[in-house]
Amino acid sequence: MRRAASKKGPTNSTTSSNSSAMDLFRSASGKAASKELERIDQLYYSYANESSGMIDPEGIEYLCSDLEVEHTDVRILMLAWKMQAEKQGYFTLDEWRKGLKALRSDTIVKLKKALPDLDNEVRRPSNYVEFYSYAFRYCLTEEKQKSIDIESICELLELVLGSQFRMQVDLFIQYLKTQIDYKVINMDQWMGFYRFCHEISFPDFNNYDEELAWPLILDNFVEWVRSKQT
């Protein structure tokens, strides 16, 4: 009677070889990540202020120059969003690391090439509402500040929403600059206008219902536009 063949497990030498290969892979990956982080840090300190250890407005100006973009370019705000930078005009080392690691950019050349992809990422609907909200919070420069002055809001609207909703933004800015009831805009009003642009038929406002929970400033805006149309 033939004896059934028994399955042989991995020999000690095979197991040892696999383990060694895995250790080498981990070691190589760790060294590569360490080198990448080192280059990211070196790039950071080429723009950072020596006294504060942070990239300040002057450092951002130099960064923009190297990226060949204006400091008012929306992609710089997108870069701040990617870093989740907390203070307007400043990047910390941790914020810089977070953003550049996510963008896989450890040189200025790679960062410049990453900007179009970052733009596309931000403009996905699921990300853009978060970016739009972040843009408001990023402009709150004082502790416990909850609103932004009209002039700054107009500039911010132009920057973050002008390319998508040209007519709505132009008219709303015109309204904001001529009305006298509001000196500042808060987050609820800011987010309300974003929803307004996405949901309300323009320029006829056929589906605008004042009985719904719209910020009062938008009721006034719609009334102002309608009065100009008659």
C-alpha atoms as a PDB file:
ATOM      1  CA  MET A   1       0.000   0.000   0.000  1.00  0.00           C
ATOM      2  CA  ARG A   2       1.350   3.389  -1.033  1.00  0.00           C
ATOM      3  CA  ARG A   3       1.997   5.762   1.776  1.00  0.00           C
ATOM      4  CA  ALA A   4       0.273   9.139   1.491  1.00  0.00           C
ATOM      5  CA  ALA A   5       2.714  11.984   0.797  1.00  0.00           C
ATOM      6  CA  SER A   6       3.055  14.306   3.755  1.00  0.00           C
ATOM      7  CA  LYS A   7       3.193  18.089   3.287  1.00  0.00           C
ATOM      8  CA  LYS A   8       6.455  19.606   4.310  1.00  0.00           C
ATOM      9  CA  GLY A   9       6.475  22.925   6.124  1.00  0.00           C
ATOM     10  CA  PRO A  10       9.051  25.625   5.371  1.00  0.00           C
ATOM     11  CA  THR A  11      12.499  24.727   6.465  1.00  0.00           C
ATOM     12  CA  ASN A  12      14.322  26.852   8.976  1.00  0.00           C
ATOM     13  CA  SER A  13      16.623  28.125   6.237  1.00  0.00           C
ATOM     14  CA  THR A  14      13.660  29.249   4.066  1.00  0.00           C
ATOM     15  CA  THR A  15      11.977  30.982   6.984  1.00  0.00           C
ATOM     16  CA  SER A  16      15.215  32.664   7.891  1.00  0.00           C
ATOM     17  CA  SER A  17      15.722  33.883   4.313  1.00  0.00           C
ATOM     18  CA  ASN A  18      12.187  35.323   4.124  1.00  0.00           C
ATOM     19  CA  SER A  19      12.630  37.039   7.449  1.00  0.00           C
ATOM     20  CA  SER A  20      15.946  38.540   6.375  1.00  0.00           C
ATOM     21  CA  ALA A  21      14.460  39.808   3.116  1.00  0.00           C
ATOM     22  CA  MET A  22      11.570  41.438   5.002  1.00  0.00           C
ATOM     23  CA  ASP A  23      13.975  43.048   7.456  1.00  0.00           C
ATOM     24  CA  LEU A  24      16.026  44.440   4.564  1.00  0.00           C
ATOM     25  CA  PHE A  25      12.885  45.811   2.905  1.00  0.00           C
ATOM     26  CA  ARG A  26      11.755  47.479   6.115  1.00  0.00           C
ATOM     27  CA  SER A  27      15.193  48.905   6.683  1.00  0.00           C
ATOM     28  CA  ALA A  28      15.381  50.283   3.137  1.00  0.00           C
ATOM     29  CA  SER A  29      11.859  51.766   3.390  1.00  0.00           C
ATOM     30  CA  GLY A  30      12.681  53.355   6.716  1.00  0.00           C
ATOM     31  CA  LYS A  31      15.887  54.870   5.377  1.00  0.00           C
ATOM     32  CA  ALA A  32      14.077  56.227   2.298  1.00  0.00           C
ATOM     33  CA  ALA A  33      11.354  57.807   4.465  1.00  0.00           C
ATOM     34  CA  SER A  34      14.005  59.269   6.736  1.00  0.00           C
ATOM     35  CA  LYS A  35      15.868  60.787   3.774  1.00  0.00           C
ATOM     36  CA  GLU A  36      12.642  62.203   2.361  1.00  0.00           C
ATOM     37  CA  LEU A  37      11.797  63.836   5.702  1.00  0.00           C
ATOM     38  CA  GLU A  38      15.311  65.234   5.904  1.00  0.00           C
ATOM     39  CA  ARG A  39      14.930  66.871   2.483  1.00  0.00           C
ATOM     40  CA  ILE A  40      11.484  68.236   3.449  1.00  0.00           C
ATOM     41  CA  ASP A  41      13.005  69.761   6.573  1.00  0.00           C
ATOM     42  CA  GLN A  42      15.914  71.243   4.620  1.00  0.00           C
ATOM     43  CA  LEU A  43      13.456  72.861   2.220  1.00  0.00           C
ATOM     44  CA  TYR A  44      11.488  74.234   5.165  1.00  0.00           C
ATOM     45  CA  TYR A  45      14.498  75.858   6.789  1.00  0.00           C
ATOM     46  CA  SER A  46      15.490  77.478   3.492  1.00  0.00           C
ATOM     47  CA  TYR A  47      12.348  79.638   3.883  1.00  0.00           C
ATOM     48  CA  ALA A  48      11.973  79.782   7.686  1.00  0.00           C
ATOM     49  CA  ASN A  49      12.804  82.829   9.748  1.00  0.00           C
ATOM     50  CA  GLU A  50      15.896  82.096  11.836  1.00  0.00           C
ATOM     51  CA  SER A  51      14.512  83.835  14.926  1.00  0.00           C
ATOM     52  CA  SER A  52      11.008  82.356  15.028  1.00  0.00           C
ATOM     53  CA  GLY A  53      11.806  79.059  13.323  1.00  0.00           C
ATOM     54  CA  MET A  54       8.625  79.487  11.271  1.00  0.00           C
ATOM     55  CA  ILE A  55       7.967  80.338   7.655  1.00  0.00           C
ATOM     56  CA  ASP A  56       6.560  83.853   7.944  1.00  0.00           C
ATOM     57  CA  PRO A  57       4.977  86.159   5.321  1.00  0.00           C
ATOM     58  CA  GLU A  58       8.400  87.064   3.926  1.00  0.00           C
ATOM     59  CA  GLY A  59       9.308  83.383   3.635  1.00  0.00           C
ATOM     60  CA  ILE A  60       6.032  82.694   1.854  1.00  0.00           C
ATOM     61  CA  GLU A  61       6.864  85.477  -0.602  1.00  0.00           C
ATOM     62  CA  TYR A  62      10.160  83.713  -1.399  1.00  0.00           C
ATOM     63  CA  LEU A  63       8.327  80.384  -1.679  1.00  0.00           C
ATOM     64  CA  CYS A  64       5.829  81.895  -4.125  1.00  0.00           C
ATOM     65  CA  SER A  65       8.678  83.328  -6.163  1.00  0.00           C
ATOM     66  CA  ASP A  66      10.326  79.902  -6.413  1.00  0.00           C
ATOM     67  CA  LEU A  67       6.989  78.295  -7.296  1.00  0.00           C
ATOM     68  CA  GLU A  68       6.445  81.052  -9.878  1.00  0.00           C
ATOM     69  CA  VAL A  69       2.998  81.961  -8.530  1.00  0.00           C
ATOM     70  CA  GLU A  70       1.631  85.165  -7.012  1.00  0.00           C
ATOM     71  CA  HIS A  71       1.155  85.179  -3.248  1.00  0.00           C
ATOM     72  CA  THR A  72      -2.524  85.905  -3.955  1.00  0.00           C
ATOM     73  CA  ASP A  73      -2.848  82.748  -6.086  1.00  0.00           C
ATOM     74  CA  VAL A  74      -5.589  80.481  -4.706  1.00  0.00           C
ATOM     75  CA  ARG A  75      -3.183  77.535  -4.881  1.00  0.00           C
ATOM     76  CA  ILE A  76      -1.181  79.021  -2.009  1.00  0.00           C
ATOM     77  CA  LEU A  77      -4.348  78.953   0.073  1.00  0.00           C
ATOM     78  CA  MET A  78      -4.886  75.382  -1.119  1.00  0.00           C
ATOM     79  CA  LEU A  79      -1.361  74.550   0.028  1.00  0.00           C
ATOM     80  CA  ALA A  80      -2.159  76.022   3.445  1.00  0.00           C
ATOM     81  CA  TRP A  81      -5.321  73.866   3.514  1.00  0.00           C
ATOM     82  CA  LYS A  82      -3.286  70.765   2.702  1.00  0.00           C
ATOM     83  CA  MET A  83      -0.967  71.591   5.602  1.00  0.00           C
ATOM     84  CA  GLN A  84      -3.954  72.539   7.804  1.00  0.00           C
ATOM     85  CA  ALA A  85      -2.016  75.687   8.676  1.00  0.00           C
ATOM     86  CA  GLU A  86      -3.606  77.460  11.631  1.00  0.00           C
ATOM     87  CA  LYS A  87      -2.161  80.967  11.425  1.00  0.00           C
ATOM     88  CA  GLN A  88      -2.558  83.102   8.316  1.00  0.00           C
ATOM     89  CA  GLY A  89       0.773  83.859   6.660  1.00  0.00           C
ATOM     90  CA  TYR A  90       2.743  81.342   8.726  1.00  0.00           C
ATOM     91  CA  PHE A  91       3.730  77.686   8.346  1.00  0.00           C
ATOM     92  CA  THR A  92       5.142  75.624  11.201  1.00  0.00           C
ATOM     93  CA  LEU A  93       7.498  72.697  10.654  1.00  0.00           C
ATOM     94  CA  ASP A  94       4.816  70.160  11.579  1.00  0.00           C
ATOM     95  CA  GLU A  95       2.334  71.753   9.158  1.00  0.00           C
ATOM     96  CA  TRP A  96       4.969  71.827   6.414  1.00  0.00           C
ATOM     97  CA  ARG A  97       5.833  68.162   6.968  1.00  0.00           C
ATOM     98  CA  LYS A  98       2.178  67.146   6.916  1.00  0.00           C
ATOM     99  CA  GLY A  99       1.476  68.942   3.650  1.00  0.00           C
ATOM    100  CA  LEU A 100       4.612  68.029   1.732  1.00  0.00           C
ATOM    101  CA  LYS A 101       4.558  64.372   2.788  1.00  0.00           C
ATOM    102  CA  ALA A 102       0.960  64.140   1.556  1.00  0.00           C
ATOM    103  CA  LEU A 103       1.998  65.784  -1.730  1.00  0.00           C
ATOM    104  CA  ARG A 104       5.126  63.588  -1.964  1.00  0.00           C
ATOM    105  CA  SER A 105       7.206  66.685  -2.513  1.00  0.00           C
ATOM    106  CA  ASP A 106      10.643  66.978  -0.959  1.00  0.00           C
ATOM    107  CA  THR A 107      12.021  69.517  -3.443  1.00  0.00           C
ATOM    108  CA  ILE A 108      10.713  72.800  -4.818  1.00  0.00           C
ATOM    109  CA  VAL A 109      10.549  71.220  -8.293  1.00  0.00           C
ATOM    110  CA  LYS A 110       8.289  68.414  -7.032  1.00  0.00           C
ATOM    111  CA  LEU A 111       6.134  70.867  -5.101  1.00  0.00           C
ATOM    112  CA  LYS A 112       5.677  73.017  -8.194  1.00  0.00           C
ATOM    113  CA  LYS A 113       4.644  69.945 -10.202  1.00  0.00           C
ATOM    114  CA  ALA A 114       2.217  68.930  -7.433  1.00  0.00           C
ATOM    115  CA  LEU A 115       0.206  72.170  -7.566  1.00  0.00           C
ATOM    116  CA  PRO A 116      -2.082  71.170 -10.491  1.00  0.00           C
ATOM    117  CA  ASP A 117      -2.951  67.882  -8.766  1.00  0.00           C
ATOM    118  CA  LEU A 118      -3.594  69.768  -5.532  1.00  0.00           C
ATOM    119  CA  ASP A 119      -5.922  72.119  -7.403  1.00  0.00           C
ATOM    120  CA  ASN A 120      -7.831  69.135  -8.806  1.00  0.00           C
ATOM    121  CA  GLU A 121      -8.009  67.505  -5.380  1.00  0.00           C
ATOM    122  CA  VAL A 122      -9.424  70.606  -3.712  1.00  0.00           C
ATOM    123  CA  ARG A 123     -12.013  71.169  -6.445  1.00  0.00           C
ATOM    124  CA  ARG A 124     -13.672  67.805  -5.868  1.00  0.00           C
ATOM    125  CA  PRO A 125     -17.103  68.635  -4.412  1.00  0.00           C
ATOM    126  CA  SER A 126     -16.434  66.603  -1.264  1.00  0.00           C
ATOM    127  CA  ASN A 127     -13.251  68.587  -0.596  1.00  0.00           C
ATOM    128  CA  TYR A 128     -14.272  72.024  -1.799  1.00  0.00           C
ATOM    129  CA  VAL A 129     -16.850  72.696   0.889  1.00  0.00           C
ATOM    130  CA  GLU A 130     -14.171  71.851   3.470  1.00  0.00           C
ATOM    131  CA  PHE A 131     -11.689  74.130   1.702  1.00  0.00           C
ATOM    132  CA  TYR A 132     -14.264  76.946   1.518  1.00  0.00           C
ATOM    133  CA  SER A 133     -14.915  76.650   5.246  1.00  0.00           C
ATOM    134  CA  TYR A 134     -11.170  76.494   5.967  1.00  0.00           C
ATOM    135  CA  ALA A 135     -10.567  79.665   3.943  1.00  0.00           C
ATOM    136  CA  PHE A 136     -12.824  81.590   6.334  1.00  0.00           C
ATOM    137  CA  ARG A 137     -11.223  80.141   9.479  1.00  0.00           C
ATOM    138  CA  TYR A 138      -7.737  80.817   8.088  1.00  0.00           C
ATOM    139  CA  CYS A 139      -8.579  84.517   7.862  1.00  0.00           C
ATOM    140  CA  LEU A 140      -9.565  84.754  11.524  1.00  0.00           C
ATOM    141  CA  THR A 141      -6.343  86.370  12.618  1.00  0.00           C
ATOM    142  CA  GLU A 142      -7.279  87.425  16.155  1.00  0.00           C
ATOM    143  CA  GLU A 143      -8.000  85.234  19.166  1.00  0.00           C
ATOM    144  CA  LYS A 144     -11.748  84.607  19.619  1.00  0.00           C
ATOM    145  CA  GLN A 145     -12.457  86.398  16.314  1.00  0.00           C
ATOM    146  CA  LYS A 146     -15.646  85.050  14.722  1.00  0.00           C
ATOM    147  CA  SER A 147     -16.288  87.421  11.832  1.00  0.00           C
ATOM    148  CA  ILE A 148     -14.410  89.075   8.964  1.00  0.00           C
ATOM    149  CA  ASP A 149     -14.730  92.624   7.669  1.00  0.00           C
ATOM    150  CA  ILE A 150     -16.567  93.237   4.400  1.00  0.00           C
ATOM    151  CA  GLU A 151     -13.502  94.319   2.415  1.00  0.00           C
ATOM    152  CA  SER A 152     -11.587  91.149   3.291  1.00  0.00           C
ATOM    153  CA  ILE A 153     -14.647  88.980   2.617  1.00  0.00           C
ATOM    154  CA  CYS A 154     -14.987  90.467  -0.869  1.00  0.00           C
ATOM    155  CA  GLU A 155     -11.354  89.625  -1.625  1.00  0.00           C
ATOM    156  CA  LEU A 156     -11.774  86.110  -0.237  1.00  0.00           C
ATOM    157  CA  LEU A 157     -14.957  85.479  -2.220  1.00  0.00           C
ATOM    158  CA  GLU A 158     -13.183  86.534  -5.403  1.00  0.00           C
ATOM    159  CA  LEU A 159     -10.308  84.192  -4.613  1.00  0.00           C
ATOM    160  CA  VAL A 160     -12.144  81.019  -3.621  1.00  0.00           C
ATOM    161  CA  LEU A 161     -15.481  81.221  -5.467  1.00  0.00           C
ATOM    162  CA  GLY A 162     -15.059  83.713  -8.301  1.00  0.00           C
ATOM    163  CA  SER A 163     -13.956  81.205 -10.913  1.00  0.00           C
ATOM    164  CA  GLN A 164     -16.919  78.894 -10.256  1.00  0.00           C
ATOM    165  CA  PHE A 165     -19.796  81.328  -9.744  1.00  0.00           C
ATOM    166  CA  ARG A 166     -18.683  84.474 -11.507  1.00  0.00           C
ATOM    167  CA  MET A 167     -22.043  86.228 -11.784  1.00  0.00           C
ATOM    168  CA  GLN A 168     -23.220  85.408  -8.255  1.00  0.00           C
ATOM    169  CA  VAL A 169     -19.934  86.489  -6.692  1.00  0.00           C
ATOM    170  CA  ASP A 170     -19.770  89.731  -8.684  1.00  0.00           C
ATOM    171  CA  LEU A 171     -23.302  90.708  -7.699  1.00  0.00           C
ATOM    172  CA  PHE A 172     -22.871  89.705  -4.068  1.00  0.00           C
ATOM    173  CA  ILE A 173     -19.658  91.710  -3.812  1.00  0.00           C
ATOM    174  CA  GLN A 174     -21.425  94.688  -5.378  1.00  0.00           C
ATOM    175  CA  TYR A 175     -24.216  94.316  -2.848  1.00  0.00           C
ATOM    176  CA  LEU A 176     -21.812  93.995   0.094  1.00  0.00           C
ATOM    177  CA  LYS A 177     -19.974  97.156  -0.919  1.00  0.00           C
ATOM    178  CA  THR A 178     -23.138  99.238  -1.273  1.00  0.00           C
ATOM    179  CA  GLN A 179     -25.245  98.021   1.672  1.00  0.00           C
ATOM    180  CA  ILE A 180     -24.878  99.662   5.087  1.00  0.00           C
ATOM    181  CA  ASP A 181     -26.415  97.047   7.427  1.00  0.00           C
ATOM    182  CA  TYR A 182     -23.437  94.724   7.735  1.00  0.00           C
ATOM    183  CA  LYS A 183     -19.874  95.604   8.686  1.00  0.00           C
ATOM    184  CA  VAL A 184     -18.699  92.003   9.030  1.00  0.00           C
ATOM    185  CA  ILE A 185     -19.625  88.485   7.857  1.00  0.00           C
ATOM    186  CA  ASN A 186     -19.740  85.442  10.131  1.00  0.00           C
ATOM    187  CA  MET A 187     -19.259  81.745   9.326  1.00  0.00           C
ATOM    188  CA  ASP A 188     -22.988  81.018   9.050  1.00  0.00           C
ATOM    189  CA  GLN A 189     -23.420  83.773   6.450  1.00  0.00           C
ATOM    190  CA  TRP A 190     -20.255  82.666   4.640  1.00  0.00           C
ATOM    191  CA  MET A 191     -21.384  79.037   4.372  1.00  0.00           C
ATOM    192  CA  GLY A 192     -24.902  80.157   3.521  1.00  0.00           C
ATOM    193  CA  PHE A 193     -23.659  81.924   0.404  1.00  0.00           C
ATOM    194  CA  TYR A 194     -21.809  78.756  -0.679  1.00  0.00           C
ATOM    195  CA  ARG A 195     -25.049  76.760  -0.391  1.00  0.00           C
ATOM    196  CA  PHE A 196     -26.919  79.590  -2.119  1.00  0.00           C
ATOM    197  CA  CYS A 197     -24.592  79.404  -5.154  1.00  0.00           C
ATOM    198  CA  HIS A 198     -25.037  75.647  -5.435  1.00  0.00           C
ATOM    199  CA  GLU A 199     -28.779  75.430  -4.851  1.00  0.00           C
ATOM    200  CA  ILE A 200     -30.488  78.590  -6.053  1.00  0.00           C
ATOM    201  CA  SER A 201     -31.450  79.253  -9.646  1.00  0.00           C
ATOM    202  CA  PHE A 202     -29.638  82.342 -10.898  1.00  0.00           C
ATOM    203  CA  PRO A 203     -30.398  85.072 -11.850  1.00  0.00           C
ATOM    204  CA  ASP A 204     -34.175  84.497 -11.501  1.00  0.00           C
ATOM    205  CA  PHE A 205     -34.092  83.017  -7.943  1.00  0.00           C
ATOM    206  CA  ASN A 206     -37.201  80.991  -8.814  1.00  0.00           C
ATOM    207  CA  ASN A 207     -36.510  78.386  -6.138  1.00  0.00           C
ATOM    208  CA  TYR A 208     -35.464  80.806  -3.395  1.00  0.00           C
ATOM    209  CA  ASP A 209     -37.787  80.540  -0.411  1.00  0.00           C
ATOM    210  CA  GLU A 210     -37.402  83.233   2.234  1.00  0.00           C
ATOM    211  CA  GLU A 211     -39.293  81.022   4.687  1.00  0.00           C
ATOM    212  CA  LEU A 212     -36.417  78.556   4.725  1.00  0.00           C
ATOM    213  CA  ALA A 213     -33.446  78.958   7.053  1.00  0.00           C
ATOM    214  CA  TRP A 214     -31.329  81.271   4.919  1.00  0.00           C
ATOM    215  CA  PRO A 215     -29.212  83.948   6.621  1.00  0.00           C
ATOM    216  CA  LEU A 216     -31.063  87.274   6.614  1.00  0.00           C
ATOM    217  CA  ILE A 217     -28.287  88.865   4.575  1.00  0.00           C
ATOM    218  CA  LEU A 218     -29.200  86.566   1.658  1.00  0.00           C
ATOM    219  CA  ASP A 219     -32.866  87.552   1.898  1.00  0.00           C
ATOM    220  CA  ASN A 220     -31.719  91.155   1.626  1.00  0.00           C
ATOM    221  CA  PHE A 221     -29.378  90.315  -1.245  1.00  0.00           C
ATOM    222  CA  VAL A 222     -32.128  88.617  -3.254  1.00  0.00           C
ATOM    223  CA  GLU A 223     -34.460  91.560  -2.630  1.00  0.00           C
ATOM    224  CA  TRP A 224     -31.713  93.959  -3.730  1.00  0.00           C
ATOM    225  CA  VAL A 225     -31.068  92.036  -6.973  1.00  0.00           C
ATOM    226  CA  ARG A 226     -34.776  91.790  -7.772  1.00  0.00           C
ATOM    227  CA  SER A 227     -35.173  95.527  -7.274  1.00  0.00           C
ATOM    228  CA  LYS A 228     -32.397  96.108  -9.834  1.00  0.00           C
ATOM    229  CA  GLN A 229     -34.087  93.767 -12.308  1.00  0.00           C
ATOM    230  CA  THR A 230     -37.418  95.593 -12.295  1.00  0.00           C
END
